[in-house]
C-alpha atoms as a PDB file:
ATOM      1  CA  UNK A   1     -26.436  -6.424  22.507  1.00  0.00           C
ATOM      2  CA  UNK A   2     -26.485  -7.922  18.841  1.00  0.00           C
ATOM      3  CA  UNK A   3     -25.386  -4.772  17.235  1.00  0.00           C
ATOM      4  CA  UNK A   4     -21.800  -5.179  19.348  1.00  0.00           C
ATOM      5  CA  UNK A   5     -21.582  -8.575  18.685  1.00  0.00           C
ATOM      6  CA  UNK A   6     -22.136  -8.356  15.044  1.00  0.00           C
ATOM      7  CA  UNK A   7     -19.191  -5.081  14.942  1.00  0.00           C
ATOM      8  CA  UNK A   8     -17.037  -6.912  16.692  1.00  0.00           C
ATOM      9  CA  UNK A   9     -17.204 -10.302  14.761  1.00  0.00           C
ATOM     10  CA  UNK A  10     -17.002  -8.345  11.717  1.00  0.00           C
ATOM     11  CA  UNK A  11     -13.869  -5.923  13.234  1.00  0.00           C
ATOM     12  CA  UNK A  12     -12.115  -9.663  13.381  1.00  0.00           C
ATOM     13  CA  UNK A  13     -12.661 -11.038  10.541  1.00  0.00           C
ATOM     14  CA  UNK A  14     -11.248  -7.097   8.797  1.00  0.00           C
ATOM     15  CA  UNK A  15      -8.318  -8.268  11.449  1.00  0.00           C
ATOM     16  CA  UNK A  16      -7.360 -11.457   9.644  1.00  0.00           C
ATOM     17  CA  UNK A  17      -8.079 -10.463   6.252  1.00  0.00           C
ATOM     18  CA  UNK A  18      -6.278  -7.606   6.458  1.00  0.00           C
ATOM     19  CA  UNK A  19      -3.798  -8.979   8.329  1.00  0.00           C
ATOM     20  CA  UNK A  20      -3.478 -11.738   5.404  1.00  0.00           C
ATOM     21  CA  UNK A  21      -2.415  -8.922   2.870  1.00  0.00           C
ATOM     22  CA  UNK A  22      -0.330  -6.627   5.041  1.00  0.00           C
ATOM     23  CA  UNK A  23       2.013  -9.631   6.167  1.00  0.00           C
ATOM     24  CA  UNK A  24       2.102 -10.649   2.572  1.00  0.00           C
ATOM     25  CA  UNK A  25       2.977  -7.155   1.240  1.00  0.00           C
ATOM     26  CA  UNK A  26       5.427  -6.829   4.246  1.00  0.00           C
ATOM     27  CA  UNK A  27       6.867  -9.981   3.806  1.00  0.00           C
ATOM     28  CA  UNK A  28       7.753  -9.385   0.563  1.00  0.00           C
ATOM     29  CA  UNK A  29      10.051  -5.981   1.873  1.00  0.00           C
ATOM     30  CA  UNK A  30      11.545  -8.231   4.843  1.00  0.00           C
ATOM     31  CA  UNK A  31      12.535 -10.938   1.756  1.00  0.00           C
ATOM     32  CA  UNK A  32      14.228  -8.614  -0.058  1.00  0.00           C
ATOM     33  CA  UNK A  33      15.938  -6.921   2.839  1.00  0.00           C
ATOM     34  CA  UNK A  34      17.367  -9.912   4.116  1.00  0.00           C
ATOM     35  CA  UNK A  35      18.389 -12.088   0.875  1.00  0.00           C
ATOM     36  CA  UNK A  36      18.758  -9.401  -2.191  1.00  0.00           C
ATOM     37  CA  UNK A  37      21.665  -8.256  -3.905  1.00  0.00           C
ATOM     38  CA  UNK A  38      22.574  -4.494  -2.415  1.00  0.00           C
ATOM     39  CA  UNK A  39      21.850  -1.752  -3.304  1.00  0.00           C
ATOM     40  CA  UNK A  40      18.275  -2.784  -2.415  1.00  0.00           C
ATOM     41  CA  UNK A  41      15.272  -1.146  -4.332  1.00  0.00           C
ATOM     42  CA  UNK A  42      13.944  -0.770  -0.852  1.00  0.00           C
ATOM     43  CA  UNK A  43      15.443  -0.947   2.652  1.00  0.00           C
ATOM     44  CA  UNK A  44      13.178  -2.169   5.463  1.00  0.00           C
ATOM     45  CA  UNK A  45      14.334  -3.343   7.900  1.00  0.00           C
ATOM     46  CA  UNK A  46      11.315  -3.284  10.258  1.00  0.00           C
ATOM     47  CA  UNK A  47       8.936  -5.253   8.187  1.00  0.00           C
ATOM     48  CA  UNK A  48      10.441  -8.164   9.687  1.00  0.00           C
ATOM     49  CA  UNK A  49       9.154  -7.467  13.121  1.00  0.00           C
ATOM     50  CA  UNK A  50       5.516  -7.001  11.717  1.00  0.00           C
ATOM     51  CA  UNK A  51       5.186 -10.141   9.675  1.00  0.00           C
ATOM     52  CA  UNK A  52       3.993 -13.012  12.001  1.00  0.00           C
ATOM     53  CA  UNK A  53       5.605 -15.949  13.135  1.00  0.00           C
ATOM     54  CA  UNK A  54       5.169 -18.220  10.086  1.00  0.00           C
ATOM     55  CA  UNK A  55       6.525 -15.351   7.669  1.00  0.00           C
ATOM     56  CA  UNK A  56       9.619 -14.905   9.650  1.00  0.00           C
ATOM     57  CA  UNK A  57      10.676 -18.304   9.696  1.00  0.00           C
ATOM     58  CA  UNK A  58      10.433 -18.848   5.653  1.00  0.00           C
ATOM     59  CA  UNK A  59      12.147 -15.696   5.709  1.00  0.00           C
ATOM     60  CA  UNK A  60      14.904 -17.087   7.825  1.00  0.00           C
ATOM     61  CA  UNK A  61      15.376 -20.287   6.575  1.00  0.00           C
ATOM     62  CA  UNK A  62      16.664 -20.850   2.585  1.00  0.00           C
ATOM     63  CA  UNK A  63      14.882 -24.061   2.219  1.00  0.00           C
ATOM     64  CA  UNK A  64      11.182 -22.598   3.366  1.00  0.00           C
ATOM     65  CA  UNK A  65      12.176 -19.570   1.321  1.00  0.00           C
ATOM     66  CA  UNK A  66      12.965 -21.420  -1.657  1.00  0.00           C
ATOM     67  CA  UNK A  67       9.692 -23.463  -1.403  1.00  0.00           C
ATOM     68  CA  UNK A  68       7.407 -20.783  -0.646  1.00  0.00           C
ATOM     69  CA  UNK A  69       8.685 -19.101  -3.531  1.00  0.00           C
ATOM     70  CA  UNK A  70       9.939 -21.027  -6.055  1.00  0.00           C
ATOM     71  CA  UNK A  71       7.156 -23.877  -5.845  1.00  0.00           C
ATOM     72  CA  UNK A  72       4.117 -23.184  -4.154  1.00  0.00           C
ATOM     73  CA  UNK A  73       3.925 -19.146  -5.030  1.00  0.00           C
ATOM     74  CA  UNK A  74       5.933 -19.703  -8.236  1.00  0.00           C
ATOM     75  CA  UNK A  75       3.046 -18.373 -10.682  1.00  0.00           C
ATOM     76  CA  UNK A  76       1.928 -15.201  -8.587  1.00  0.00           C
ATOM     77  CA  UNK A  77       5.818 -14.455  -7.258  1.00  0.00           C
ATOM     78  CA  UNK A  78       6.462 -11.964  -9.916  1.00  0.00           C
ATOM     79  CA  UNK A  79       4.078  -9.443  -8.870  1.00  0.00           C
ATOM     80  CA  UNK A  80       6.048  -9.085  -5.603  1.00  0.00           C
ATOM     81  CA  UNK A  81       8.548  -6.992  -7.600  1.00  0.00           C
ATOM     82  CA  UNK A  82       5.829  -4.561  -8.000  1.00  0.00           C
ATOM     83  CA  UNK A  83       5.372  -4.358  -4.565  1.00  0.00           C
ATOM     84  CA  UNK A  84       8.578  -3.113  -4.090  1.00  0.00           C
ATOM     85  CA  UNK A  85       8.457  -0.868  -7.002  1.00  0.00           C
ATOM     86  CA  UNK A  86       5.558   0.750  -5.791  1.00  0.00           C
ATOM     87  CA  UNK A  87       6.949   1.160  -2.354  1.00  0.00           C
ATOM     88  CA  UNK A  88      10.556   2.854  -4.088  1.00  0.00           C
ATOM     89  CA  UNK A  89       7.949   4.604  -6.033  1.00  0.00           C
ATOM     90  CA  UNK A  90       6.093   5.754  -3.149  1.00  0.00           C
ATOM     91  CA  UNK A  91       9.116   6.906  -1.068  1.00  0.00           C
ATOM     92  CA  UNK A  92      10.774   9.235  -3.517  1.00  0.00           C
ATOM     93  CA  UNK A  93       7.441  11.085  -3.828  1.00  0.00           C
ATOM     94  CA  UNK A  94       7.012  11.376  -0.684  1.00  0.00           C
ATOM     95  CA  UNK A  95      10.375  12.580   0.119  1.00  0.00           C
ATOM     96  CA  UNK A  96      10.700  14.668  -2.541  1.00  0.00           C
ATOM     97  CA  UNK A  97       7.294  16.430  -1.273  1.00  0.00           C
ATOM     98  CA  UNK A  98       9.180  16.761   2.029  1.00  0.00           C
ATOM     99  CA  UNK A  99      11.780  18.805  -0.060  1.00  0.00           C
ATOM    100  CA  UNK A 100       9.024  21.179  -0.975  1.00  0.00           C
ATOM    101  CA  UNK A 101       7.667  21.690   2.596  1.00  0.00           C
ATOM    102  CA  UNK A 102       5.173  19.388   2.529  1.00  0.00           C
ATOM    103  CA  UNK A 103       4.730  18.695   6.366  1.00  0.00           C
ATOM    104  CA  UNK A 104       1.686  16.227   6.650  1.00  0.00           C
ATOM    105  CA  UNK A 105       1.515  12.634   5.364  1.00  0.00           C
ATOM    106  CA  UNK A 106      -1.699  10.509   5.199  1.00  0.00           C
ATOM    107  CA  UNK A 107      -1.531   6.774   4.595  1.00  0.00           C
ATOM    108  CA  UNK A 108      -4.781   5.436   3.827  1.00  0.00           C
ATOM    109  CA  UNK A 109      -5.484   1.766   4.625  1.00  0.00           C
ATOM    110  CA  UNK A 110      -1.635   1.951   6.247  1.00  0.00           C
ATOM    111  CA  UNK A 111      -1.276  -1.726   7.096  1.00  0.00           C
ATOM    112  CA  UNK A 112       2.633  -2.521   8.187  1.00  0.00           C
ATOM    113  CA  UNK A 113       3.909   0.649   6.859  1.00  0.00           C
ATOM    114  CA  UNK A 114       7.063   1.532   7.850  1.00  0.00           C
ATOM    115  CA  UNK A 115       7.550   5.103   6.285  1.00  0.00           C
ATOM    116  CA  UNK A 116       7.128   6.947   9.886  1.00  0.00           C
ATOM    117  CA  UNK A 117      10.085   4.082  11.562  1.00  0.00           C
ATOM    118  CA  UNK A 118      11.921   4.530   8.309  1.00  0.00           C
ATOM    119  CA  UNK A 119      12.719   8.112   7.865  1.00  0.00           C
ATOM    120  CA  UNK A 120      12.459   9.819  11.572  1.00  0.00           C
ATOM    121  CA  UNK A 121      14.132  13.169  11.174  1.00  0.00           C
ATOM    122  CA  UNK A 122      12.293  14.759   7.975  1.00  0.00           C
ATOM    123  CA  UNK A 123       9.554  17.189  10.298  1.00  0.00           C
ATOM    124  CA  UNK A 124       6.743  15.273   8.718  1.00  0.00           C
ATOM    125  CA  UNK A 125       3.615  14.422  10.594  1.00  0.00           C
ATOM    126  CA  UNK A 126       2.274  10.957   9.660  1.00  0.00           C
ATOM    127  CA  UNK A 127      -0.866   9.631  10.034  1.00  0.00           C
ATOM    128  CA  UNK A 128      -1.764   6.149   9.403  1.00  0.00           C
ATOM    129  CA  UNK A 129      -5.565   5.919   8.301  1.00  0.00           C
ATOM    130  CA  UNK A 130      -6.861   2.130   8.916  1.00  0.00           C
ATOM    131  CA  UNK A 131      -9.240  -0.160  10.658  1.00  0.00           C
ATOM    132  CA  UNK A 132      -9.058  -0.176  14.686  1.00  0.00           C
ATOM    133  CA  UNK A 133      -8.228  -4.081  14.823  1.00  0.00           C
ATOM    134  CA  UNK A 134      -4.994  -3.220  11.778  1.00  0.00           C
ATOM    135  CA  UNK A 135      -3.840  -0.446  13.889  1.00  0.00           C
ATOM    136  CA  UNK A 136      -3.904  -2.499  16.916  1.00  0.00           C
ATOM    137  CA  UNK A 137      -2.397  -5.774  15.407  1.00  0.00           C
ATOM    138  CA  UNK A 138       0.330  -3.576  14.001  1.00  0.00           C
ATOM    139  CA  UNK A 139       1.278  -2.123  17.606  1.00  0.00           C
ATOM    140  CA  UNK A 140       0.659  -5.130  19.423  1.00  0.00           C
ATOM    141  CA  UNK A 141       3.882  -6.566  16.706  1.00  0.00           C
ATOM    142  CA  UNK A 142       5.590  -3.065  17.465  1.00  0.00           C
ATOM    143  CA  UNK A 143       5.352  -3.370  21.218  1.00  0.00           C
ATOM    144  CA  UNK A 144       6.479  -7.218  21.001  1.00  0.00           C
ATOM    145  CA  UNK A 145       9.548  -6.002  18.977  1.00  0.00           C
ATOM    146  CA  UNK A 146      10.608  -3.167  21.398  1.00  0.00           C
ATOM    147  CA  UNK A 147      10.037  -0.974  18.693  1.00  0.00           C
ATOM    148  CA  UNK A 148       8.766   2.536  20.501  1.00  0.00           C
ATOM    149  CA  UNK A 149       5.872   4.536  18.300  1.00  0.00           C
ATOM    150  CA  UNK A 150       7.334   7.821  17.263  1.00  0.00           C
ATOM    151  CA  UNK A 151       5.799  11.112  18.431  1.00  0.00           C
ATOM    152  CA  UNK A 152       5.351  11.984  14.615  1.00  0.00           C
ATOM    153  CA  UNK A 153       3.489   9.186  13.688  1.00  0.00           C
ATOM    154  CA  UNK A 154      -0.360   9.067  14.483  1.00  0.00           C
ATOM    155  CA  UNK A 155      -2.665   5.950  14.223  1.00  0.00           C
ATOM    156  CA  UNK A 156      -6.373   7.439  12.745  1.00  0.00           C
ATOM    157  CA  UNK A 157      -9.159   4.670  13.258  1.00  0.00           C
ATOM    158  CA  UNK A 158     -11.588   5.218  10.612  1.00  0.00           C
ATOM    159  CA  UNK A 159     -14.481   2.786   9.161  1.00  0.00           C
ATOM    160  CA  UNK A 160     -15.501   4.610   5.985  1.00  0.00           C
ATOM    161  CA  UNK A 161     -18.535   2.995   6.326  1.00  0.00           C
ATOM    162  CA  UNK A 162     -19.624   5.158   8.808  1.00  0.00           C
ATOM    163  CA  UNK A 163     -16.811   7.810   9.740  1.00  0.00           C
ATOM    164  CA  UNK A 164     -15.744  10.719   8.060  1.00  0.00           C
ATOM    165  CA  UNK A 165     -12.259  10.577   6.972  1.00  0.00           C
ATOM    166  CA  UNK A 166     -11.780  14.839   7.298  1.00  0.00           C
ATOM    167  CA  UNK A 167     -13.369  14.610  10.754  1.00  0.00           C
ATOM    168  CA  UNK A 168     -11.259  11.491  11.954  1.00  0.00           C
ATOM    169  CA  UNK A 169      -7.889  13.290  10.596  1.00  0.00           C
ATOM    170  CA  UNK A 170      -8.807  16.486  12.165  1.00  0.00           C
ATOM    171  CA  UNK A 171      -9.248  15.154  15.792  1.00  0.00           C
ATOM    172  CA  UNK A 172      -5.498  13.069  15.145  1.00  0.00           C
ATOM    173  CA  UNK A 173      -3.872  16.676  14.603  1.00  0.00           C
ATOM    174  CA  UNK A 174      -4.646  16.882  10.891  1.00  0.00           C
ATOM    175  CA  UNK A 175      -4.250  20.409   9.327  1.00  0.00           C
ATOM    176  CA  UNK A 176      -6.512  20.984   6.572  1.00  0.00           C
ATOM    177  CA  UNK A 177      -5.452  24.072   5.546  1.00  0.00           C
ATOM    178  CA  UNK A 178      -2.090  23.023   5.180  1.00  0.00           C
ATOM    179  CA  UNK A 179      -1.228  21.181   1.500  1.00  0.00           C
ATOM    180  CA  UNK A 180       0.031  17.376   2.472  1.00  0.00           C
ATOM    181  CA  UNK A 181       0.821  13.889   0.909  1.00  0.00           C
ATOM    182  CA  UNK A 182      -2.215  11.136   0.587  1.00  0.00           C
ATOM    183  CA  UNK A 183      -0.341   7.842  -0.405  1.00  0.00           C
ATOM    184  CA  UNK A 184      -2.684   5.256  -1.164  1.00  0.00           C
ATOM    185  CA  UNK A 185      -1.239   1.559  -2.000  1.00  0.00           C
ATOM    186  CA  UNK A 186      -2.387  -1.779  -2.189  1.00  0.00           C
ATOM    187  CA  UNK A 187      -6.030  -1.203  -1.831  1.00  0.00           C
ATOM    188  CA  UNK A 188      -8.212   0.091  -4.552  1.00  0.00           C
ATOM    189  CA  UNK A 189      -8.534  -3.230  -6.387  1.00  0.00           C
ATOM    190  CA  UNK A 190      -9.568  -4.956  -3.050  1.00  0.00           C
ATOM    191  CA  UNK A 191     -12.915  -2.231  -2.845  1.00  0.00           C
ATOM    192  CA  UNK A 192     -16.189  -1.680  -5.322  1.00  0.00           C
ATOM    193  CA  UNK A 193     -15.538   1.222  -7.574  1.00  0.00           C
ATOM    194  CA  UNK A 194     -17.859   3.107  -5.881  1.00  0.00           C
ATOM    195  CA  UNK A 195     -15.985   2.961  -2.928  1.00  0.00           C
ATOM    196  CA  UNK A 196     -12.780   4.230  -4.526  1.00  0.00           C
ATOM    197  CA  UNK A 197     -14.648   6.866  -5.989  1.00  0.00           C
ATOM    198  CA  UNK A 198     -15.766   7.431  -2.643  1.00  0.00           C
ATOM    199  CA  UNK A 199     -12.263   7.841  -0.903  1.00  0.00           C
ATOM    200  CA  UNK A 200     -10.719  10.012  -3.229  1.00  0.00           C
ATOM    201  CA  UNK A 201     -13.768  12.030  -3.223  1.00  0.00           C
ATOM    202  CA  UNK A 202     -12.986  11.991   0.622  1.00  0.00           C
ATOM    203  CA  UNK A 203      -9.346  12.889  -0.189  1.00  0.00           C
ATOM    204  CA  UNK A 204     -10.225  16.032  -2.324  1.00  0.00           C
ATOM    205  CA  UNK A 205     -12.698  17.594   0.263  1.00  0.00           C
ATOM    206  CA  UNK A 206      -9.579  17.613   2.438  1.00  0.00           C
ATOM    207  CA  UNK A 207      -7.075  18.278   0.431  1.00  0.00           C
ATOM    208  CA  UNK A 208      -5.513  21.753   0.361  1.00  0.00           C
ATOM    209  CA  UNK A 209      -4.070  23.187  -2.455  1.00  0.00           C
ATOM    210  CA  UNK A 210      -0.985  21.733  -3.700  1.00  0.00           C
ATOM    211  CA  UNK A 211      -1.362  18.420  -1.945  1.00  0.00           C
ATOM    212  CA  UNK A 212      -0.140  15.574  -3.481  1.00  0.00           C
ATOM    213  CA  UNK A 213      -1.790  12.015  -4.155  1.00  0.00           C
ATOM    214  CA  UNK A 214      -0.013   8.940  -5.098  1.00  0.00           C
ATOM    215  CA  UNK A 215      -1.557   5.414  -5.225  1.00  0.00           C
ATOM    216  CA  UNK A 216      -2.348   2.317  -7.523  1.00  0.00           C
ATOM    217  CA  UNK A 217      -4.736   0.135  -9.596  1.00  0.00           C
ATOM    218  CA  UNK A 218      -5.075  -2.876 -11.694  1.00  0.00           C
ATOM    219  CA  UNK A 219      -5.335  -3.069 -15.659  1.00  0.00           C
ATOM    220  CA  UNK A 220      -8.605  -4.378 -16.534  1.00  0.00           C
ATOM    221  CA  UNK A 221      -7.849  -7.585 -18.075  1.00  0.00           C
ATOM    222  CA  UNK A 222      -8.281  -6.275 -21.572  1.00  0.00           C
ATOM    223  CA  UNK A 223      -5.216  -4.154 -20.991  1.00  0.00           C
ATOM    224  CA  UNK A 224      -3.141  -7.076 -19.886  1.00  0.00           C
ATOM    225  CA  UNK A 225      -0.992  -8.883 -22.449  1.00  0.00           C
ATOM    226  CA  UNK A 226      -2.144 -11.988 -23.877  1.00  0.00           C
ATOM    227  CA  UNK A 227       1.225 -13.419 -22.864  1.00  0.00           C
ATOM    228  CA  UNK A 228       0.270 -11.971 -18.679  1.00  0.00           C
ATOM    229  CA  UNK A 229      -3.167 -13.577 -19.016  1.00  0.00           C
ATOM    230  CA  UNK A 230      -2.437 -16.422 -16.934  1.00  0.00           C
ATOM    231  CA  UNK A 231       0.031 -14.348 -14.696  1.00  0.00           C
ATOM    232  CA  UNK A 232      -3.504 -11.909 -14.252  1.00  0.00           C
ATOM    233  CA  UNK A 233      -5.628 -15.165 -13.681  1.00  0.00           C
ATOM    234  CA  UNK A 234      -3.625 -16.647 -11.226  1.00  0.00           C
ATOM    235  CA  UNK A 235      -3.159 -13.938  -8.985  1.00  0.00           C
ATOM    236  CA  UNK A 236      -7.048 -13.034  -8.931  1.00  0.00           C
ATOM    237  CA  UNK A 237      -7.495 -17.109  -7.800  1.00  0.00           C
ATOM    238  CA  UNK A 238      -5.139 -16.689  -5.015  1.00  0.00           C
ATOM    239  CA  UNK A 239      -6.032 -13.635  -3.306  1.00  0.00           C
ATOM    240  CA  UNK A 240      -9.503 -14.809  -3.809  1.00  0.00           C
ATOM    241  CA  UNK A 241      -9.143 -18.298  -2.542  1.00  0.00           C
ATOM    242  CA  UNK A 242      -7.947 -16.315   0.779  1.00  0.00           C
ATOM    243  CA  UNK A 243     -11.143 -14.178   1.638  1.00  0.00           C
ATOM    244  CA  UNK A 244      -9.443 -10.901  -0.442  1.00  0.00           C
ATOM    245  CA  UNK A 245     -10.664 -11.229  -4.227  1.00  0.00           C
ATOM    246  CA  UNK A 246      -9.371  -8.064  -6.336  1.00  0.00           C
ATOM    247  CA  UNK A 247     -12.761  -7.055  -7.838  1.00  0.00           C
ATOM    248  CA  UNK A 248     -12.002  -3.319  -9.801  1.00  0.00           C
ATOM    249  CA  UNK A 249      -9.967  -2.698 -12.173  1.00  0.00           C
ATOM    250  CA  UNK A 250      -9.206   0.200 -15.133  1.00  0.00           C
ATOM    251  CA  UNK A 251      -8.465   0.935 -18.435  1.00  0.00           C
ATOM    252  CA  UNK A 252      -5.737   3.296 -18.173  1.00  0.00           C
ATOM    253  CA  UNK A 253      -6.330   5.227 -20.921  1.00  0.00           C
ATOM    254  CA  UNK A 254      -9.367   6.409 -19.006  1.00  0.00           C
ATOM    255  CA  UNK A 255      -8.973   5.943 -15.193  1.00  0.00           C
ATOM    256  CA  UNK A 256      -8.520   9.467 -14.374  1.00  0.00           C
ATOM    257  CA  UNK A 257     -11.652  10.890 -15.783  1.00  0.00           C
ATOM    258  CA  UNK A 258     -13.492   7.544 -14.157  1.00  0.00           C
ATOM    259  CA  UNK A 259     -12.376   8.298 -10.317  1.00  0.00           C
ATOM    260  CA  UNK A 260     -13.464  12.341 -11.302  1.00  0.00           C
ATOM    261  CA  UNK A 261      -9.714  13.077 -10.933  1.00  0.00           C
ATOM    262  CA  UNK A 262      -9.642  15.464 -14.001  1.00  0.00           C
ATOM    263  CA  UNK A 263     -11.130  18.659 -12.799  1.00  0.00           C
ATOM    264  CA  UNK A 264      -9.523  19.247  -9.568  1.00  0.00           C
ATOM    265  CA  UNK A 265      -6.055  17.249  -9.955  1.00  0.00           C
ATOM    266  CA  UNK A 266      -3.531  17.553 -12.201  1.00  0.00           C
ATOM    267  CA  UNK A 267      -1.627  14.004 -13.115  1.00  0.00           C
ATOM    268  CA  UNK A 268       2.117  14.407 -12.607  1.00  0.00           C
ATOM    269  CA  UNK A 269       3.154  10.875 -13.339  1.00  0.00           C
ATOM    270  CA  UNK A 270       1.142   7.800 -14.639  1.00  0.00           C
ATOM    271  CA  UNK A 271       3.855   5.115 -14.237  1.00  0.00           C
ATOM    272  CA  UNK A 272       3.419   1.736 -15.909  1.00  0.00           C
ATOM    273  CA  UNK A 273       6.482  -0.143 -14.472  1.00  0.00           C
ATOM    274  CA  UNK A 274       7.034  -3.088 -16.776  1.00  0.00           C
ATOM    275  CA  UNK A 275       7.326  -0.752 -19.922  1.00  0.00           C
ATOM    276  CA  UNK A 276      10.825   0.485 -18.389  1.00  0.00           C
ATOM    277  CA  UNK A 277      11.792  -1.788 -15.948  1.00  0.00           C
ATOM    278  CA  UNK A 278      15.352  -0.705 -15.167  1.00  0.00           C
ATOM    279  CA  UNK A 279      13.993   2.659 -14.117  1.00  0.00           C
ATOM    280  CA  UNK A 280      13.462   0.934 -10.846  1.00  0.00           C
ATOM    281  CA  UNK A 281      15.620  -2.728 -11.384  1.00  0.00           C
ATOM    282  CA  UNK A 282      18.561  -1.443 -13.301  1.00  0.00           C
ATOM    283  CA  UNK A 283      20.481  -5.064 -14.869  1.00  0.00           C
ATOM    284  CA  UNK A 284      19.941  -6.531 -11.040  1.00  0.00           C
ATOM    285  CA  UNK A 285      18.665 -10.802 -11.922  1.00  0.00           C
ATOM    286  CA  UNK A 286      17.879 -11.735  -8.465  1.00  0.00           C
ATOM    287  CA  UNK A 287      14.077 -10.303  -8.394  1.00  0.00           C
ATOM    288  CA  UNK A 288      11.415 -11.589 -11.187  1.00  0.00           C
ATOM    289  CA  UNK A 289      10.692  -8.741 -14.189  1.00  0.00           C
ATOM    290  CA  UNK A 290       7.707  -6.451 -12.954  1.00  0.00           C
ATOM    291  CA  UNK A 291       4.394  -8.177 -13.878  1.00  0.00           C
ATOM    292  CA  UNK A 292       2.478  -5.553 -16.831  1.00  0.00           C
ATOM    293  CA  UNK A 293      -0.364  -5.932 -14.404  1.00  0.00           C
ATOM    294  CA  UNK A 294      -0.369  -2.570 -12.054  1.00  0.00           C
ATOM    295  CA  UNK A 295       0.177   1.361 -12.469  1.00  0.00           C
ATOM    296  CA  UNK A 296       1.400   4.091 -10.159  1.00  0.00           C
ATOM    297  CA  UNK A 297      -0.765   7.564 -10.069  1.00  0.00           C
ATOM    298  CA  UNK A 298       0.735  10.815  -8.723  1.00  0.00           C
ATOM    299  CA  UNK A 299      -1.161  13.950  -9.480  1.00  0.00           C
ATOM    300  CA  UNK A 300      -1.133  17.438  -7.457  1.00  0.00           C
ATOM    301  CA  UNK A 301      -4.464  18.988  -6.242  1.00  0.00           C
ATOM    302  CA  UNK A 302      -4.669  22.485  -8.151  1.00  0.00           C
END
């Protein structure tokens, strides 16, 4: 009984913490869809239905939106542009992989991802991997919004401390003999380095040759321009105050080797959006310039 209560308490805590991050990310996409100039960086009409009522009120009210973005979160709001960019980065690479014939997509730490809803006709089986509590909350909110779960979307409940990723995916219908696209966004910096490398090792164990992997990571403090250190520290302080500290950062010159990816994965792109923001933003001025805190990696299994 004590063990059951402990697990339930842990899962409830994970649900609360995970939903905070998922809500903030989804709220960024929802706010962009509702208020930004067209064409959008990423179009997500479903995100607004997955955030809680508080965020819906913020996004639906001009003065509340101004208060949150320009006053309460003004120190860290530039990081939201990266959230939009990484969503576009991921979408584009998944769509390109689909054009090349990949028919399986695994989204690790899926949160409130909406790719399966936004692209229903690609012929891709989408496996959303997350804690059971997080997946349950997402399904509750989809049901409340009368949004049906499409047949090609599979929720895969995994506790990485106890479960085998490969076994859970296979039970859900994943075919390890066929190539897949693995997306892992917005997670690595919240995990201990050993958990990051362990997860990537697990992905490598089930990824067929030709599979692709995309994930983001946070620069180590030493690799952040001095002019942006205040933003770096403000962001770390904010997420820590919400009980979700960003604890793992990497040196971009050594990250592939440090994560044990060099032998089995070919680097297709190692993107630093702050170096070339016009690639994603063009001449638009309705979003903050992207903060130079995060990078994106796209790899292919040899």
